[in-house]
Amino acid sequence: MSEGSASPAPTVVKLGGSCLDELADAWWDDLAEHARERPLVLVHGWSKPLKRLSARYREPSAILRDRYGNQSRWTTPEVIDDIRKVSAELGEEVLGRLERRGVTAERLLGSDGLVSAGEGERWWWRDKRLVELENLVGPITGVDPAALKALRPGHACLVTPLARNALGQEVNTDADRAAAALAGATAATDLVLVTDVAHLLIDGEPVRRISAGAAAEFRDKGATGGMRKKLRAAGEALDRGVERVVIGSAPVTELLAARTGTVITRT
């Protein structure tokens, strides 16, 4: 890149908490190579690290379902503390992997002025009844990209997707949807959702390419669990100006080249 030329648009990569342990050295080599060409924003999940931390996070009662059928981790101040703990350990590992490959890196908490959240749902199913519960979660309402001022090729920002609501509370947010919001706010052309499955499956068959409309239809009628959230995040990213979203488990350059995974575009 010549002196004074604009930095290329960043790539936003969401690292699924369930698959981080499974990513081989070659996967990280590939990510570092991509980061030398494009600014990189990483967003991480924490599902598996939390489950390793305490057996209570492996219990069905740790997950709530709202009146609309959406799932959420039951988040108390103690859970926020545990998320911060496992995220700090995870962040140290991820940053170390990149820095050993020649990519400088920093970790940012979304709740430190980067990500803001709205009021969360208060009614949740418990013992087959809808009850009002205090749950420190909230939908993302804004991203201040000024906190990502260090974005440049050869440098990565790792974001822990906590947020701050209007009351000043630190709240849990969905990592896929946080990645979508960050991609839109940073004018990223690509959002990569790295997970533990190779493709979106419809009727048991892998889908290589799908439009946003068809993905939304499947999300509402057939998708379940984590894939439902990923498809919602994909739609939100595309609505925010991202050109394409790729879901898969392969190295990032393989996914971006559409050699594997599922590519979602507006049309």
C-alpha atoms as a PDB file:
ATOM      1  CA  MET A   1       0.000   0.000   0.000  1.00  0.00           C
ATOM      2  CA  SER A   2       1.424   3.377  -0.946  1.00  0.00           C
ATOM      3  CA  GLU A   3       1.940   6.142   1.588  1.00  0.00           C
ATOM      4  CA  GLY A   4      -1.206   8.197   2.096  1.00  0.00           C
ATOM      5  CA  SER A   5      -3.529   5.681   0.449  1.00  0.00           C
ATOM      6  CA  ALA A   6      -6.685   4.657   2.269  1.00  0.00           C
ATOM      7  CA  SER A   7      -6.584   1.541   4.396  1.00  0.00           C
ATOM      8  CA  PRO A   8      -8.623  -1.328   2.921  1.00  0.00           C
ATOM      9  CA  ALA A   9     -11.966  -2.172   4.478  1.00  0.00           C
ATOM     10  CA  PRO A  10     -11.654  -4.471   7.484  1.00  0.00           C
ATOM     11  CA  THR A  11     -12.733  -8.077   7.650  1.00  0.00           C
ATOM     12  CA  VAL A  12     -14.829  -8.965  10.700  1.00  0.00           C
ATOM     13  CA  VAL A  13     -14.491 -12.542  11.946  1.00  0.00           C
ATOM     14  CA  LYS A  14     -16.617 -14.033  14.692  1.00  0.00           C
ATOM     15  CA  LEU A  15     -14.886 -16.900  16.474  1.00  0.00           C
ATOM     16  CA  GLY A  16     -17.434 -19.328  17.892  1.00  0.00           C
ATOM     17  CA  GLY A  17     -16.838 -20.200  21.536  1.00  0.00           C
ATOM     18  CA  SER A  18     -17.614 -23.832  20.761  1.00  0.00           C
ATOM     19  CA  CYS A  19     -14.917 -24.176  18.092  1.00  0.00           C
ATOM     20  CA  LEU A  20     -11.930 -22.134  19.326  1.00  0.00           C
ATOM     21  CA  ASP A  21     -10.212 -25.187  20.806  1.00  0.00           C
ATOM     22  CA  GLU A  22     -10.494 -27.021  17.488  1.00  0.00           C
ATOM     23  CA  LEU A  23      -8.758 -24.434  15.287  1.00  0.00           C
ATOM     24  CA  ALA A  24      -5.408 -25.862  14.154  1.00  0.00           C
ATOM     25  CA  ASP A  25      -2.128 -23.967  13.799  1.00  0.00           C
ATOM     26  CA  ALA A  26      -2.655 -23.849  10.022  1.00  0.00           C
ATOM     27  CA  TRP A  27      -5.968 -22.041  10.585  1.00  0.00           C
ATOM     28  CA  TRP A  28      -4.193 -19.335  12.605  1.00  0.00           C
ATOM     29  CA  ASP A  29      -1.397 -19.136  10.017  1.00  0.00           C
ATOM     30  CA  ASP A  30      -4.034 -18.399   7.393  1.00  0.00           C
ATOM     31  CA  LEU A  31      -5.748 -15.776   9.557  1.00  0.00           C
ATOM     32  CA  ALA A  32      -2.443 -13.992  10.199  1.00  0.00           C
ATOM     33  CA  GLU A  33      -1.678 -13.969   6.478  1.00  0.00           C
ATOM     34  CA  HIS A  34      -5.074 -12.383   5.787  1.00  0.00           C
ATOM     35  CA  ALA A  35      -4.529  -9.857   8.579  1.00  0.00           C
ATOM     36  CA  ARG A  36      -1.335  -8.653   6.937  1.00  0.00           C
ATOM     37  CA  GLU A  37      -3.421  -7.549   3.943  1.00  0.00           C
ATOM     38  CA  ARG A  38      -6.618  -6.308   5.632  1.00  0.00           C
ATOM     39  CA  PRO A  39      -7.480  -4.755   9.006  1.00  0.00           C
ATOM     40  CA  LEU A  40      -9.018  -7.439  11.205  1.00  0.00           C
ATOM     41  CA  VAL A  41     -11.774  -7.239  13.812  1.00  0.00           C
ATOM     42  CA  LEU A  42     -12.331 -10.441  15.774  1.00  0.00           C
ATOM     43  CA  VAL A  43     -15.366 -11.058  17.967  1.00  0.00           C
ATOM     44  CA  HIS A  44     -15.339 -14.084  20.236  1.00  0.00           C
ATOM     45  CA  GLY A  45     -17.902 -16.255  21.945  1.00  0.00           C
ATOM     46  CA  TRP A  46     -17.434 -17.886  25.326  1.00  0.00           C
ATOM     47  CA  SER A  47     -19.859 -20.821  25.552  1.00  0.00           C
ATOM     48  CA  LYS A  48     -17.326 -23.637  25.961  1.00  0.00           C
ATOM     49  CA  PRO A  49     -14.969 -21.718  28.302  1.00  0.00           C
ATOM     50  CA  LEU A  50     -17.905 -20.922  30.596  1.00  0.00           C
ATOM     51  CA  LYS A  51     -18.976 -24.563  30.648  1.00  0.00           C
ATOM     52  CA  ARG A  52     -15.439 -25.574  31.576  1.00  0.00           C
ATOM     53  CA  LEU A  53     -15.366 -22.991  34.362  1.00  0.00           C
ATOM     54  CA  SER A  54     -18.392 -24.316  36.228  1.00  0.00           C
ATOM     55  CA  ALA A  55     -20.860 -27.189  35.947  1.00  0.00           C
ATOM     56  CA  ARG A  56     -23.751 -24.774  36.477  1.00  0.00           C
ATOM     57  CA  TYR A  57     -23.206 -23.405  32.967  1.00  0.00           C
ATOM     58  CA  ARG A  58     -23.803 -26.888  31.576  1.00  0.00           C
ATOM     59  CA  GLU A  59     -27.231 -27.180  33.187  1.00  0.00           C
ATOM     60  CA  PRO A  60     -30.401 -26.563  31.123  1.00  0.00           C
ATOM     61  CA  SER A  61     -31.487 -23.951  33.690  1.00  0.00           C
ATOM     62  CA  ALA A  62     -28.569 -21.737  32.597  1.00  0.00           C
ATOM     63  CA  ILE A  63     -30.434 -20.986  29.349  1.00  0.00           C
ATOM     64  CA  LEU A  64     -33.682 -19.023  29.222  1.00  0.00           C
ATOM     65  CA  ARG A  65     -36.273 -18.874  26.463  1.00  0.00           C
ATOM     66  CA  ASP A  66     -38.400 -15.768  25.991  1.00  0.00           C
ATOM     67  CA  ARG A  67     -42.046 -15.526  24.911  1.00  0.00           C
ATOM     68  CA  TYR A  68     -40.948 -15.267  21.265  1.00  0.00           C
ATOM     69  CA  GLY A  69     -38.889 -18.467  21.386  1.00  0.00           C
ATOM     70  CA  ASN A  70     -35.478 -16.789  21.504  1.00  0.00           C
ATOM     71  CA  GLN A  71     -32.805 -18.296  23.767  1.00  0.00           C
ATOM     72  CA  SER A  72     -30.497 -16.378  26.071  1.00  0.00           C
ATOM     73  CA  ARG A  73     -28.014 -17.191  28.802  1.00  0.00           C
ATOM     74  CA  TRP A  74     -29.453 -16.249  32.190  1.00  0.00           C
ATOM     75  CA  THR A  75     -27.057 -13.436  33.057  1.00  0.00           C
ATOM     76  CA  THR A  76     -26.580 -12.094  36.581  1.00  0.00           C
ATOM     77  CA  PRO A  77     -23.776  -9.856  37.864  1.00  0.00           C
ATOM     78  CA  GLU A  78     -21.933 -13.032  38.881  1.00  0.00           C
ATOM     79  CA  VAL A  79     -22.249 -14.409  35.360  1.00  0.00           C
ATOM     80  CA  ILE A  80     -20.875 -11.140  33.947  1.00  0.00           C
ATOM     81  CA  ASP A  81     -17.864 -11.561  36.258  1.00  0.00           C
ATOM     82  CA  ASP A  82     -17.336 -15.112  34.971  1.00  0.00           C
ATOM     83  CA  ILE A  83     -17.670 -13.954  31.345  1.00  0.00           C
ATOM     84  CA  ARG A  84     -15.014 -11.307  31.980  1.00  0.00           C
ATOM     85  CA  LYS A  85     -12.749 -13.912  33.592  1.00  0.00           C
ATOM     86  CA  VAL A  86     -12.912 -16.510  30.819  1.00  0.00           C
ATOM     87  CA  SER A  87     -12.787 -13.792  28.141  1.00  0.00           C
ATOM     88  CA  ALA A  88      -9.562 -12.373  29.574  1.00  0.00           C
ATOM     89  CA  GLU A  89      -7.951 -15.820  29.458  1.00  0.00           C
ATOM     90  CA  LEU A  90      -9.286 -16.482  25.967  1.00  0.00           C
ATOM     91  CA  GLY A  91      -8.136 -13.061  24.793  1.00  0.00           C
ATOM     92  CA  GLU A  92      -4.607 -13.647  26.042  1.00  0.00           C
ATOM     93  CA  GLU A  93      -4.469 -16.886  24.065  1.00  0.00           C
ATOM     94  CA  VAL A  94      -5.850 -15.395  20.830  1.00  0.00           C
ATOM     95  CA  LEU A  95      -3.609 -12.323  20.973  1.00  0.00           C
ATOM     96  CA  GLY A  96      -0.603 -14.525  21.650  1.00  0.00           C
ATOM     97  CA  ARG A  97      -1.368 -16.724  18.641  1.00  0.00           C
ATOM     98  CA  LEU A  98      -1.501 -13.675  16.371  1.00  0.00           C
ATOM     99  CA  GLU A  99       1.516 -11.886  17.808  1.00  0.00           C
ATOM    100  CA  ARG A 100       3.663 -15.000  17.418  1.00  0.00           C
ATOM    101  CA  ARG A 101       2.739 -14.815  13.723  1.00  0.00           C
ATOM    102  CA  GLY A 102       3.771 -11.197  13.339  1.00  0.00           C
ATOM    103  CA  VAL A 103       0.338  -9.556  13.734  1.00  0.00           C
ATOM    104  CA  THR A 104      -0.007  -6.963  16.479  1.00  0.00           C
ATOM    105  CA  ALA A 105      -3.228  -7.279  18.437  1.00  0.00           C
ATOM    106  CA  GLU A 106      -5.255  -5.684  21.200  1.00  0.00           C
ATOM    107  CA  ARG A 107      -8.352  -6.685  23.146  1.00  0.00           C
ATOM    108  CA  LEU A 108     -11.311  -4.352  23.650  1.00  0.00           C
ATOM    109  CA  LEU A 109     -14.337  -4.767  25.906  1.00  0.00           C
ATOM    110  CA  GLY A 110     -17.502  -3.786  24.060  1.00  0.00           C
ATOM    111  CA  SER A 111     -18.792  -2.316  27.327  1.00  0.00           C
ATOM    112  CA  ASP A 112     -15.926   0.219  27.403  1.00  0.00           C
ATOM    113  CA  GLY A 113     -17.715   2.666  25.128  1.00  0.00           C
ATOM    114  CA  LEU A 114     -17.710   0.514  21.994  1.00  0.00           C
ATOM    115  CA  VAL A 115     -21.113  -1.235  22.065  1.00  0.00           C
ATOM    116  CA  SER A 116     -24.372   0.093  23.502  1.00  0.00           C
ATOM    117  CA  ALA A 117     -27.454  -1.989  24.243  1.00  0.00           C
ATOM    118  CA  GLY A 118     -31.161  -1.401  24.635  1.00  0.00           C
ATOM    119  CA  GLU A 119     -33.593  -2.682  27.190  1.00  0.00           C
ATOM    120  CA  GLY A 120     -33.671  -6.464  27.403  1.00  0.00           C
ATOM    121  CA  GLU A 121     -36.631  -8.806  27.487  1.00  0.00           C
ATOM    122  CA  ARG A 122     -38.039  -9.264  31.009  1.00  0.00           C
ATOM    123  CA  TRP A 123     -40.470 -12.182  30.554  1.00  0.00           C
ATOM    124  CA  TRP A 124     -39.038 -15.695  30.360  1.00  0.00           C
ATOM    125  CA  TRP A 125     -40.328 -19.244  30.507  1.00  0.00           C
ATOM    126  CA  ARG A 126     -39.564 -21.014  33.797  1.00  0.00           C
ATOM    127  CA  ASP A 127     -41.266 -24.286  34.787  1.00  0.00           C
ATOM    128  CA  LYS A 128     -43.779 -23.865  31.955  1.00  0.00           C
ATOM    129  CA  ARG A 129     -44.777 -20.387  33.140  1.00  0.00           C
ATOM    130  CA  LEU A 130     -43.871 -16.934  31.886  1.00  0.00           C
ATOM    131  CA  VAL A 131     -42.233 -15.092  34.764  1.00  0.00           C
ATOM    132  CA  GLU A 132     -40.548 -11.722  35.082  1.00  0.00           C
ATOM    133  CA  LEU A 133     -36.806 -12.090  35.629  1.00  0.00           C
ATOM    134  CA  GLU A 134     -33.898  -9.691  35.904  1.00  0.00           C
ATOM    135  CA  ASN A 135     -31.611 -10.799  33.080  1.00  0.00           C
ATOM    136  CA  LEU A 136     -28.591  -8.688  32.171  1.00  0.00           C
ATOM    137  CA  VAL A 137     -28.919  -8.994  28.421  1.00  0.00           C
ATOM    138  CA  GLY A 138     -29.903  -6.482  25.770  1.00  0.00           C
ATOM    139  CA  PRO A 139     -30.124  -5.971  22.022  1.00  0.00           C
ATOM    140  CA  ILE A 140     -27.351  -3.933  20.424  1.00  0.00           C
ATOM    141  CA  THR A 141     -28.472  -0.400  19.628  1.00  0.00           C
ATOM    142  CA  GLY A 142     -25.204   1.181  18.542  1.00  0.00           C
ATOM    143  CA  VAL A 143     -21.464   0.858  17.945  1.00  0.00           C
ATOM    144  CA  ASP A 144     -18.957   3.680  18.313  1.00  0.00           C
ATOM    145  CA  PRO A 145     -16.202   2.784  15.827  1.00  0.00           C
ATOM    146  CA  ALA A 146     -13.932   5.500  17.260  1.00  0.00           C
ATOM    147  CA  ALA A 147     -12.739   2.895  19.764  1.00  0.00           C
ATOM    148  CA  LEU A 148     -11.346   0.929  16.798  1.00  0.00           C
ATOM    149  CA  LYS A 149      -9.082   3.761  15.648  1.00  0.00           C
ATOM    150  CA  ALA A 150      -6.062   1.429  15.460  1.00  0.00           C
ATOM    151  CA  LEU A 151      -7.490  -0.564  12.537  1.00  0.00           C
ATOM    152  CA  ARG A 152      -4.834  -1.128   9.875  1.00  0.00           C
ATOM    153  CA  PRO A 153      -3.310  -4.035   7.975  1.00  0.00           C
ATOM    154  CA  GLY A 154      -1.066  -6.080  10.228  1.00  0.00           C
ATOM    155  CA  HIS A 155      -3.133  -5.282  13.330  1.00  0.00           C
ATOM    156  CA  ALA A 156      -6.136  -7.049  14.877  1.00  0.00           C
ATOM    157  CA  CYS A 157      -8.714  -5.893  17.400  1.00  0.00           C
ATOM    158  CA  LEU A 158     -10.321  -8.642  19.476  1.00  0.00           C
ATOM    159  CA  VAL A 159     -13.718  -7.572  20.868  1.00  0.00           C
ATOM    160  CA  THR A 160     -15.376  -9.150  23.881  1.00  0.00           C
ATOM    161  CA  PRO A 161     -19.086  -8.616  23.078  1.00  0.00           C
ATOM    162  CA  LEU A 162     -20.323  -7.170  26.327  1.00  0.00           C
ATOM    163  CA  ALA A 163     -22.249  -3.891  26.099  1.00  0.00           C
ATOM    164  CA  ARG A 164     -23.453  -1.016  28.234  1.00  0.00           C
ATOM    165  CA  ASN A 165     -27.165  -0.165  28.509  1.00  0.00           C
ATOM    166  CA  ALA A 166     -28.843   3.194  29.162  1.00  0.00           C
ATOM    167  CA  LEU A 167     -28.715   2.560  32.925  1.00  0.00           C
ATOM    168  CA  GLY A 168     -24.959   2.063  32.742  1.00  0.00           C
ATOM    169  CA  GLN A 169     -25.218  -1.661  33.409  1.00  0.00           C
ATOM    170  CA  GLU A 170     -22.809  -4.066  31.757  1.00  0.00           C
ATOM    171  CA  VAL A 171     -24.874  -6.592  29.812  1.00  0.00           C
ATOM    172  CA  ASN A 172     -24.439  -9.751  27.770  1.00  0.00           C
ATOM    173  CA  THR A 173     -25.093  -9.577  24.033  1.00  0.00           C
ATOM    174  CA  ASP A 174     -25.206 -12.189  21.290  1.00  0.00           C
ATOM    175  CA  ALA A 175     -21.713 -12.483  19.794  1.00  0.00           C
ATOM    176  CA  ASP A 176     -22.926 -13.169  16.223  1.00  0.00           C
ATOM    177  CA  ARG A 177     -25.162 -10.115  16.230  1.00  0.00           C
ATOM    178  CA  ALA A 178     -22.413  -8.033  17.850  1.00  0.00           C
ATOM    179  CA  ALA A 179     -20.119  -9.045  14.996  1.00  0.00           C
ATOM    180  CA  ALA A 180     -22.804  -7.968  12.519  1.00  0.00           C
ATOM    181  CA  ALA A 181     -23.146  -4.575  14.196  1.00  0.00           C
ATOM    182  CA  LEU A 182     -19.372  -4.092  14.256  1.00  0.00           C
ATOM    183  CA  ALA A 183     -19.117  -5.054  10.585  1.00  0.00           C
ATOM    184  CA  GLY A 184     -21.694  -2.440   9.666  1.00  0.00           C
ATOM    185  CA  ALA A 185     -20.125   0.259  11.836  1.00  0.00           C
ATOM    186  CA  THR A 186     -16.633  -0.287  10.374  1.00  0.00           C
ATOM    187  CA  ALA A 187     -17.832  -0.455   6.738  1.00  0.00           C
ATOM    188  CA  ALA A 188     -16.554  -4.012   6.440  1.00  0.00           C
ATOM    189  CA  THR A 189     -17.267  -5.721   3.135  1.00  0.00           C
ATOM    190  CA  ASP A 190     -17.158  -9.227   4.626  1.00  0.00           C
ATOM    191  CA  LEU A 191     -18.374 -10.854   7.823  1.00  0.00           C
ATOM    192  CA  VAL A 192     -17.114 -14.375   8.501  1.00  0.00           C
ATOM    193  CA  LEU A 193     -18.934 -16.465  11.121  1.00  0.00           C
ATOM    194  CA  VAL A 194     -16.561 -19.277  12.084  1.00  0.00           C
ATOM    195  CA  THR A 195     -18.401 -22.146  13.678  1.00  0.00           C
ATOM    196  CA  ASP A 196     -18.107 -25.899  14.172  1.00  0.00           C
ATOM    197  CA  VAL A 197     -20.145 -26.837  11.085  1.00  0.00           C
ATOM    198  CA  ALA A 198     -18.886 -26.701   7.512  1.00  0.00           C
ATOM    199  CA  HIS A 199     -22.070 -25.332   5.884  1.00  0.00           C
ATOM    200  CA  LEU A 200     -25.617 -24.255   6.454  1.00  0.00           C
ATOM    201  CA  LEU A 201     -27.725 -27.379   5.985  1.00  0.00           C
ATOM    202  CA  ILE A 202     -31.248 -27.329   4.594  1.00  0.00           C
ATOM    203  CA  ASP A 203     -33.067 -30.664   4.485  1.00  0.00           C
ATOM    204  CA  GLY A 204     -29.737 -32.288   5.297  1.00  0.00           C
ATOM    205  CA  GLU A 205     -28.018 -30.866   2.230  1.00  0.00           C
ATOM    206  CA  PRO A 206     -25.142 -28.348   2.361  1.00  0.00           C
ATOM    207  CA  VAL A 207     -25.958 -24.915   0.951  1.00  0.00           C
ATOM    208  CA  ARG A 208     -23.083 -23.185  -0.846  1.00  0.00           C
ATOM    209  CA  ARG A 209     -24.826 -19.883  -1.663  1.00  0.00           C
ATOM    210  CA  ILE A 210     -28.126 -18.372  -0.570  1.00  0.00           C
ATOM    211  CA  SER A 211     -29.859 -14.991  -0.738  1.00  0.00           C
ATOM    212  CA  ALA A 212     -30.689 -13.007   2.374  1.00  0.00           C
ATOM    213  CA  GLY A 213     -34.390 -13.471   1.711  1.00  0.00           C
ATOM    214  CA  ALA A 214     -34.160 -17.251   1.408  1.00  0.00           C
ATOM    215  CA  ALA A 215     -31.918 -17.423   4.482  1.00  0.00           C
ATOM    216  CA  ALA A 216     -34.439 -15.403   6.500  1.00  0.00           C
ATOM    217  CA  GLU A 217     -37.265 -17.671   5.376  1.00  0.00           C
ATOM    218  CA  PHE A 218     -35.328 -20.750   6.490  1.00  0.00           C
ATOM    219  CA  ARG A 219     -34.365 -19.026   9.747  1.00  0.00           C
ATOM    220  CA  ASP A 220     -38.014 -18.476  10.634  1.00  0.00           C
ATOM    221  CA  LYS A 221     -39.307 -21.849   9.493  1.00  0.00           C
ATOM    222  CA  GLY A 222     -36.543 -24.421   9.895  1.00  0.00           C
ATOM    223  CA  ALA A 223     -33.400 -23.196  11.627  1.00  0.00           C
ATOM    224  CA  THR A 224     -32.814 -23.920  15.298  1.00  0.00           C
ATOM    225  CA  GLY A 225     -30.403 -22.960  18.068  1.00  0.00           C
ATOM    226  CA  GLY A 226     -27.121 -21.355  17.108  1.00  0.00           C
ATOM    227  CA  MET A 227     -27.781 -21.410  13.364  1.00  0.00           C
ATOM    228  CA  ARG A 228     -30.957 -19.406  13.827  1.00  0.00           C
ATOM    229  CA  LYS A 229     -28.940 -16.675  15.553  1.00  0.00           C
ATOM    230  CA  LYS A 230     -26.273 -16.762  12.863  1.00  0.00           C
ATOM    231  CA  LEU A 231     -28.832 -16.295  10.119  1.00  0.00           C
ATOM    232  CA  ARG A 232     -30.384 -13.392  12.006  1.00  0.00           C
ATOM    233  CA  ALA A 233     -26.932 -11.840  12.374  1.00  0.00           C
ATOM    234  CA  ALA A 234     -26.252 -12.369   8.668  1.00  0.00           C
ATOM    235  CA  GLY A 235     -29.414 -10.494   7.733  1.00  0.00           C
ATOM    236  CA  GLU A 236     -28.569  -7.630  10.078  1.00  0.00           C
ATOM    237  CA  ALA A 237     -25.051  -7.349   8.663  1.00  0.00           C
ATOM    238  CA  LEU A 238     -26.323  -7.203   5.086  1.00  0.00           C
ATOM    239  CA  ASP A 239     -28.908  -4.591   6.098  1.00  0.00           C
ATOM    240  CA  ARG A 240     -26.035  -2.514   7.516  1.00  0.00           C
ATOM    241  CA  GLY A 241     -24.177  -2.495   4.195  1.00  0.00           C
ATOM    242  CA  VAL A 242     -21.934  -5.551   4.486  1.00  0.00           C
ATOM    243  CA  GLU A 243     -21.612  -7.143   1.038  1.00  0.00           C
ATOM    244  CA  ARG A 244     -21.561 -10.795   2.067  1.00  0.00           C
ATOM    245  CA  VAL A 245     -21.593 -13.078   5.083  1.00  0.00           C
ATOM    246  CA  VAL A 246     -19.849 -16.449   5.084  1.00  0.00           C
ATOM    247  CA  ILE A 247     -20.594 -19.247   7.557  1.00  0.00           C
ATOM    248  CA  GLY A 248     -18.263 -22.230   7.939  1.00  0.00           C
ATOM    249  CA  SER A 249     -15.432 -23.947   9.763  1.00  0.00           C
ATOM    250  CA  ALA A 250     -12.570 -23.635   7.253  1.00  0.00           C
ATOM    251  CA  PRO A 251      -9.669 -21.138   7.163  1.00  0.00           C
ATOM    252  CA  VAL A 252     -10.826 -17.579   6.551  1.00  0.00           C
ATOM    253  CA  THR A 253      -9.245 -17.234   3.095  1.00  0.00           C
ATOM    254  CA  GLU A 254     -10.944 -20.460   1.984  1.00  0.00           C
ATOM    255  CA  LEU A 255     -14.298 -19.145   3.182  1.00  0.00           C
ATOM    256  CA  LEU A 256     -13.803 -15.747   1.550  1.00  0.00           C
ATOM    257  CA  ALA A 257     -12.866 -17.428  -1.734  1.00  0.00           C
ATOM    258  CA  ALA A 258     -16.158 -19.380  -1.503  1.00  0.00           C
ATOM    259  CA  ARG A 259     -14.298 -22.672  -1.852  1.00  0.00           C
ATOM    260  CA  THR A 260     -16.244 -23.973   1.115  1.00  0.00           C
ATOM    261  CA  GLY A 261     -18.830 -22.744   3.617  1.00  0.00           C
ATOM    262  CA  THR A 262     -22.106 -20.939   2.897  1.00  0.00           C
ATOM    263  CA  VAL A 263     -22.103 -17.482   1.302  1.00  0.00           C
ATOM    264  CA  ILE A 264     -25.082 -15.210   2.024  1.00  0.00           C
ATOM    265  CA  THR A 265     -25.651 -12.114  -0.118  1.00  0.00           C
ATOM    266  CA  ARG A 266     -28.518  -9.662  -0.554  1.00  0.00           C
ATOM    267  CA  THR A 267     -29.632 -11.252  -3.826  1.00  0.00           C
END
